[in-house]
Amino acid sequence: MIQDKLQQAEVVAIVGPTASGKTALSIEIAKKYNGEIINGDAMQVYKGLDIGTAKITEQEMEGVPHHLLSFKEPTDSFSVADYQKLVRAKIADIQERGKLPILVGGSGLYVQAVLYDFQFTEEQVDVAAREAYYAELAKLGPEAMHAKLAALDPKTAQTIHPNNTRRVIRALEMIELSGISKASEAQNRGQAPLYDHLILGLGQNMSREELYNRINLRVDLMMEKGLLAEVKGLWQQNIRDVQSIQAIGYKELYDYLDGKCSLEMALENLKQNSRRYAKRQLTYFRNKMDVQFVDKDWNIQ
């Protein structure tokens, strides 16, 4: 019984694609099992990225403590290794106070890195080398940098789009500075669980049509809540070429604000990219995590 597992678990994680109902389920479980919620979304750590990341509001929290939301500046970098350290410390803190840590989000790798003995060689960064790579990027362009990575680490290059310059440069740093490819690092990541945990998943039992309709509706609601103004505020600060602005919802509207497409096209791209991301999320949860999938209206009583 899932209820028995909830009572016995040291850590509970709730995962699922965007718009699958994670927030509502997490609040329900936190209230019943004396829990506190830890953000498991890579982009909700940033200040000012609220509407586009569907960040929970204070009203929606219903008095349940939430952690690791909105504590990084939009211009800051934030790696999965950084996240791993912070969350494990937060889990220990919550447990010491006799409460249940509940990790909630759609970033599968982030959740997985906390629950298992993942080790990240990319924690070590040579600042001077990174600046040199970005200078080279400015001079030669993304295609040339991707070609450089393909020559040094072809397997990793196949998994990264040339326009994702942040990941390209990080992969170059790893192979040139440590001699370890990201592909090799992924194979060496530990699979041993660090906690007696339970991972609940949403979205698997929802029809694709229903999930996609929920995503499309969510985008429309985000626009009504002021998503364009939120993105324009970042755009007017000339915040560019940073990790936060790569988030779905921001990069598409940046294209509109840059005059590269109409608002209608930007919104269509946003919906399409959100649907594609949801599909990738579900594939990741099914294939790489020990998820117990439940229905969105599952009753925990």
Protein backbone atom coordinates (compact mmCIF):
# COMPACT_ATOMS: atom_id res chain seq x y z
CA MET A 1 0.00 0.00 0.00
CA ILE A 2 1.26 3.47 -0.90
CA GLN A 3 -0.11 4.87 2.36
CA ASP A 4 2.11 2.47 4.33
CA LYS A 5 5.13 3.48 2.25
CA LEU A 6 4.37 7.15 2.91
CA GLN A 7 4.40 6.52 6.63
CA GLN A 8 7.69 4.61 6.47
CA ALA A 9 9.63 6.74 3.95
CA GLU A 10 12.52 8.96 5.06
CA VAL A 11 12.04 11.15 1.97
CA VAL A 12 9.13 11.43 -0.47
CA ALA A 13 9.51 12.81 -3.99
CA ILE A 14 6.67 13.86 -6.27
CA VAL A 15 7.56 14.10 -9.95
CA GLY A 16 5.67 14.59 -13.16
CA PRO A 17 5.53 16.69 -16.31
CA THR A 18 4.42 20.29 -16.28
CA ALA A 19 0.70 20.80 -15.54
CA SER A 20 0.22 17.27 -14.15
CA GLY A 21 -0.92 18.34 -10.67
CA LYS A 22 2.23 18.01 -8.53
CA THR A 23 1.54 21.11 -6.42
CA ALA A 24 -1.91 20.03 -5.24
CA LEU A 25 -0.76 16.51 -4.39
CA SER A 26 2.30 17.75 -2.52
CA ILE A 27 0.22 20.05 -0.30
CA GLU A 28 -2.22 17.25 0.45
CA ILE A 29 0.56 14.85 1.45
CA ALA A 30 2.44 17.48 3.46
CA LYS A 31 -0.66 18.24 5.51
CA LYS A 32 -1.47 14.61 6.23
CA TYR A 33 2.08 13.41 6.95
CA ASN A 34 3.56 16.48 8.69
CA GLY A 35 5.78 17.36 5.76
CA GLU A 36 7.77 20.28 4.45
CA ILE A 37 8.30 20.80 0.72
CA ILE A 38 11.61 21.24 -1.07
CA ASN A 39 11.64 22.68 -4.58
CA GLY A 40 12.68 20.11 -7.20
CA ASP A 41 12.52 22.39 -10.24
CA ALA A 42 15.79 23.68 -11.70
CA MET A 43 14.35 27.05 -12.72
CA GLN A 44 12.24 27.90 -9.66
CA VAL A 45 15.42 28.69 -7.73
CA TYR A 46 15.61 32.03 -9.59
CA LYS A 47 14.14 35.29 -8.35
CA GLY A 48 11.80 36.99 -10.80
CA LEU A 49 11.02 33.82 -12.75
CA ASP A 50 7.66 33.23 -11.13
CA ILE A 51 4.84 33.06 -13.65
CA GLY A 52 6.79 31.28 -16.38
CA THR A 53 8.03 28.55 -14.04
CA ALA A 54 4.58 28.09 -12.43
CA LYS A 55 6.12 28.85 -9.05
CA ILE A 56 3.77 28.18 -6.16
CA THR A 57 2.21 31.27 -4.58
CA GLU A 58 2.03 31.92 -0.85
CA GLN A 59 -1.72 31.37 -0.96
CA GLU A 60 -1.30 28.01 -2.69
CA MET A 61 1.19 26.91 -0.02
CA GLU A 62 -1.69 26.81 2.52
CA GLY A 63 0.74 27.32 5.38
CA VAL A 64 3.04 24.42 4.42
CA PRO A 65 6.74 25.42 4.66
CA HIS A 66 8.54 25.50 1.29
CA HIS A 67 12.30 25.60 0.74
CA LEU A 68 14.79 26.57 -1.99
CA LEU A 69 12.53 28.86 -3.98
CA SER A 70 13.66 32.24 -5.37
CA PHE A 71 17.08 32.46 -3.75
CA LYS A 72 19.32 32.89 -6.82
CA GLU A 73 19.65 35.96 -9.04
CA PRO A 74 18.65 35.44 -12.71
CA THR A 75 22.26 36.06 -13.72
CA ASP A 76 23.67 33.38 -11.40
CA SER A 77 24.71 29.93 -12.53
CA PHE A 78 23.36 26.99 -10.57
CA SER A 79 24.38 23.40 -11.22
CA VAL A 80 22.83 20.10 -10.25
CA ALA A 81 25.87 19.58 -7.99
CA ASP A 82 25.06 22.84 -6.18
CA TYR A 83 21.47 21.72 -5.83
CA GLN A 84 22.46 18.30 -4.52
CA LYS A 85 24.45 19.80 -1.62
CA LEU A 86 21.75 22.26 -0.61
CA VAL A 87 18.90 19.76 -0.72
CA ARG A 88 20.69 17.06 1.24
CA ALA A 89 21.44 19.60 3.97
CA LYS A 90 17.80 20.73 3.92
CA ILE A 91 16.58 17.13 4.14
CA ALA A 92 18.73 16.60 7.25
CA ASP A 93 17.36 19.81 8.79
CA ILE A 94 13.73 18.83 8.17
CA GLN A 95 14.27 15.32 9.52
CA GLU A 96 15.95 16.64 12.66
CA ARG A 97 12.78 18.60 13.37
CA GLY A 98 10.72 15.40 13.11
CA LYS A 99 9.10 16.26 9.80
CA LEU A 100 8.87 14.53 6.41
CA PRO A 101 10.94 16.05 3.55
CA ILE A 102 8.90 16.13 0.33
CA LEU A 103 10.86 16.88 -2.85
CA VAL A 104 8.55 18.24 -5.57
CA GLY A 105 9.36 19.09 -9.18
CA GLY A 106 9.79 18.11 -12.77
CA SER A 107 13.60 18.14 -13.04
CA GLY A 108 14.27 14.40 -12.96
CA LEU A 109 18.06 14.59 -12.82
CA TYR A 110 17.94 17.03 -9.90
CA VAL A 111 15.66 14.75 -7.87
CA GLN A 112 17.67 11.67 -8.80
CA ALA A 113 20.97 13.31 -7.87
CA VAL A 114 19.68 13.95 -4.35
CA LEU A 115 18.22 10.51 -3.70
CA TYR A 116 21.14 8.46 -5.08
CA ASP A 117 24.91 8.56 -4.61
CA PHE A 118 25.59 10.71 -7.66
CA GLN A 119 29.04 12.32 -7.82
CA PHE A 120 29.74 15.23 -10.13
CA THR A 121 33.23 15.85 -11.44
CA GLU A 122 32.07 19.16 -12.96
CA GLU A 123 31.91 20.77 -9.52
CA GLN A 124 35.48 21.96 -10.07
CA VAL A 125 35.53 25.03 -12.31
CA ASP A 126 38.49 26.93 -13.69
CA VAL A 127 37.12 30.47 -13.87
CA ALA A 128 39.85 31.73 -16.20
CA ALA A 129 39.28 28.82 -18.58
CA ARG A 130 35.54 29.41 -18.59
CA GLU A 131 36.03 33.08 -19.45
CA ALA A 132 38.35 32.06 -22.26
CA TYR A 133 35.72 29.70 -23.68
CA TYR A 134 33.09 32.44 -23.64
CA ALA A 135 35.48 34.82 -25.36
CA GLU A 136 36.09 32.16 -28.01
CA LEU A 137 32.32 31.69 -28.34
CA ALA A 138 31.83 35.43 -28.92
CA LYS A 139 34.51 35.38 -31.62
CA LEU A 140 33.73 32.11 -33.43
CA GLY A 141 30.05 31.46 -32.72
CA PRO A 142 28.11 28.46 -31.36
CA GLU A 143 28.57 26.18 -34.38
CA ALA A 144 32.36 26.36 -34.13
CA MET A 145 32.31 25.64 -30.39
CA HIS A 146 30.02 22.66 -30.93
CA ALA A 147 32.34 21.37 -33.66
CA LYS A 148 35.25 21.67 -31.22
CA LEU A 149 33.33 19.60 -28.69
CA ALA A 150 32.42 17.03 -31.35
CA ALA A 151 36.12 16.56 -32.13
CA LEU A 152 37.01 16.02 -28.47
CA ASP A 153 33.92 14.23 -27.17
CA PRO A 154 31.65 13.13 -30.04
CA LYS A 155 29.28 11.08 -27.88
CA THR A 156 28.47 14.04 -25.65
CA ALA A 157 28.24 16.44 -28.60
CA GLN A 158 25.44 14.32 -30.06
CA THR A 159 23.31 15.00 -26.98
CA ILE A 160 23.71 18.80 -26.96
CA HIS A 161 22.23 21.26 -29.45
CA PRO A 162 24.79 23.77 -30.80
CA ASN A 163 22.65 26.67 -29.55
CA ASN A 164 22.81 25.39 -25.98
CA THR A 165 26.12 27.16 -25.52
CA ARG A 166 26.16 26.84 -21.73
CA ARG A 167 26.12 23.04 -21.89
CA VAL A 168 28.60 23.00 -24.78
CA ILE A 169 31.09 25.06 -22.79
CA ARG A 170 30.63 23.01 -19.63
CA ALA A 171 31.27 19.82 -21.62
CA LEU A 172 34.41 21.39 -23.12
CA GLU A 173 35.60 22.36 -19.65
CA MET A 174 35.16 18.83 -18.41
CA ILE A 175 36.93 17.04 -21.26
CA GLU A 176 39.80 19.54 -21.59
CA LEU A 177 40.42 20.26 -17.92
CA SER A 178 39.76 16.89 -16.33
CA GLY A 179 40.07 14.49 -19.26
CA ILE A 180 36.65 13.04 -18.42
CA SER A 181 33.79 13.19 -20.89
CA LYS A 182 30.27 13.91 -19.69
CA ALA A 183 29.20 10.60 -21.22
CA SER A 184 31.75 8.74 -19.08
CA GLU A 185 30.71 10.68 -16.02
CA ALA A 186 27.08 9.71 -16.58
CA GLN A 187 28.04 6.01 -16.72
CA ASN A 188 29.95 6.33 -13.44
CA ARG A 189 27.16 7.99 -11.49
CA GLY A 190 26.11 5.93 -8.53
CA GLN A 191 22.81 4.09 -8.41
CA ALA A 192 22.71 3.25 -4.70
CA PRO A 193 19.87 5.00 -2.85
CA LEU A 194 20.89 7.23 0.06
CA TYR A 195 17.46 7.30 1.69
CA ASP A 196 14.54 4.95 2.21
CA HIS A 197 12.50 6.96 -0.27
CA LEU A 198 9.25 6.84 -2.17
CA ILE A 199 8.86 8.54 -5.57
CA LEU A 200 5.29 9.25 -6.64
CA GLY A 201 4.70 10.16 -10.27
CA LEU A 202 1.87 11.96 -12.04
CA GLY A 203 0.98 12.17 -15.71
CA GLN A 204 1.61 8.57 -16.77
CA ASN A 205 -2.08 7.63 -16.50
CA MET A 206 -3.31 10.85 -18.11
CA SER A 207 -4.13 10.75 -21.80
CA ARG A 208 -1.72 12.70 -23.97
CA GLU A 209 -4.63 14.80 -25.23
CA GLU A 210 -5.61 15.76 -21.69
CA LEU A 211 -2.03 16.56 -20.67
CA TYR A 212 -1.44 18.66 -23.78
CA ASN A 213 -4.72 20.52 -23.25
CA ARG A 214 -3.69 21.26 -19.66
CA ILE A 215 -0.33 22.58 -20.89
CA ASN A 216 -1.94 24.79 -23.53
CA LEU A 217 -4.41 26.16 -20.98
CA ARG A 218 -1.61 26.80 -18.49
CA VAL A 219 0.26 28.92 -21.05
CA ASP A 220 -2.90 30.96 -21.72
CA LEU A 221 -3.38 31.48 -17.97
CA MET A 222 0.27 32.50 -17.57
CA MET A 223 -0.22 35.18 -20.19
CA GLU A 224 -3.32 36.43 -18.37
CA LYS A 225 -1.30 36.62 -15.14
CA GLY A 226 1.38 38.79 -16.78
CA LEU A 227 4.00 36.44 -18.22
CA LEU A 228 4.90 38.85 -21.02
CA ALA A 229 5.52 41.68 -18.53
CA GLU A 230 7.64 39.36 -16.37
CA VAL A 231 9.81 38.37 -19.32
CA LYS A 232 10.01 41.95 -20.59
CA GLY A 233 11.35 43.04 -17.21
CA LEU A 234 14.26 40.62 -17.56
CA TRP A 235 14.75 41.55 -21.23
CA GLN A 236 14.91 45.27 -20.38
CA GLN A 237 17.68 44.53 -17.89
CA ASN A 238 19.60 43.00 -20.81
CA ILE A 239 19.84 39.65 -19.01
CA ARG A 240 21.09 37.34 -21.75
CA ASP A 241 23.19 34.24 -22.34
CA VAL A 242 22.55 32.91 -18.84
CA GLN A 243 21.06 29.70 -17.55
CA SER A 244 17.78 31.16 -16.31
CA ILE A 245 16.72 32.64 -19.65
CA GLN A 246 17.02 29.21 -21.29
CA ALA A 247 13.85 28.20 -19.42
CA ILE A 248 10.82 27.42 -21.56
CA GLY A 249 8.56 30.47 -21.58
CA TYR A 250 11.42 32.94 -21.44
CA LYS A 251 13.51 32.09 -24.48
CA GLU A 252 10.43 32.05 -26.75
CA LEU A 253 9.20 35.45 -25.57
CA TYR A 254 12.74 36.83 -25.84
CA ASP A 255 12.52 35.96 -29.55
CA TYR A 256 9.32 38.03 -29.79
CA LEU A 257 10.84 40.96 -27.89
CA ASP A 258 13.93 40.77 -30.09
CA GLY A 259 11.68 41.09 -33.15
CA LYS A 260 12.46 37.61 -34.44
CA CYS A 261 8.83 36.46 -34.54
CA SER A 262 5.27 37.55 -33.82
CA LEU A 263 3.72 37.16 -30.39
CA GLU A 264 1.35 34.57 -31.81
CA MET A 265 4.28 32.52 -33.12
CA ALA A 266 6.17 32.88 -29.84
CA LEU A 267 3.19 31.54 -27.89
CA GLU A 268 2.76 28.64 -30.29
CA ASN A 269 6.46 27.81 -29.91
CA LEU A 270 6.08 28.05 -26.14
CA LYS A 271 3.19 25.60 -26.11
CA GLN A 272 4.93 23.23 -28.50
CA ASN A 273 8.19 23.28 -26.51
CA SER A 274 6.25 22.71 -23.28
CA ARG A 275 4.49 19.68 -24.80
CA ARG A 276 7.79 18.26 -26.05
CA TYR A 277 9.40 18.81 -22.66
CA ALA A 278 6.52 17.03 -20.93
CA LYS A 279 7.04 14.05 -23.20
CA ARG A 280 10.78 13.97 -22.38
CA GLN A 281 10.01 14.27 -18.67
CA LEU A 282 7.71 11.26 -18.71
CA THR A 283 10.27 9.22 -20.65
CA TYR A 284 12.94 10.10 -18.07
CA PHE A 285 10.72 9.23 -15.11
CA ARG A 286 9.71 5.90 -16.64
CA ASN A 287 13.17 4.79 -17.71
CA LYS A 288 15.56 6.21 -15.11
CA MET A 289 13.65 6.44 -11.82
CA ASP A 290 11.81 3.97 -9.58
CA VAL A 291 8.53 5.84 -9.78
CA GLN A 292 5.19 4.69 -8.40
CA PHE A 293 2.73 6.35 -10.78
CA VAL A 294 -0.66 7.42 -9.44
CA ASP A 295 -3.71 9.14 -10.91
CA LYS A 296 -4.01 12.91 -10.58
CA ASP A 297 -7.13 12.48 -8.43
CA TRP A 298 -5.59 9.74 -6.28
CA ASN A 299 -6.93 9.76 -2.73
CA ILE A 300 -4.26 9.56 -0.03
CA GLN A 301 -6.74 9.09 2.84
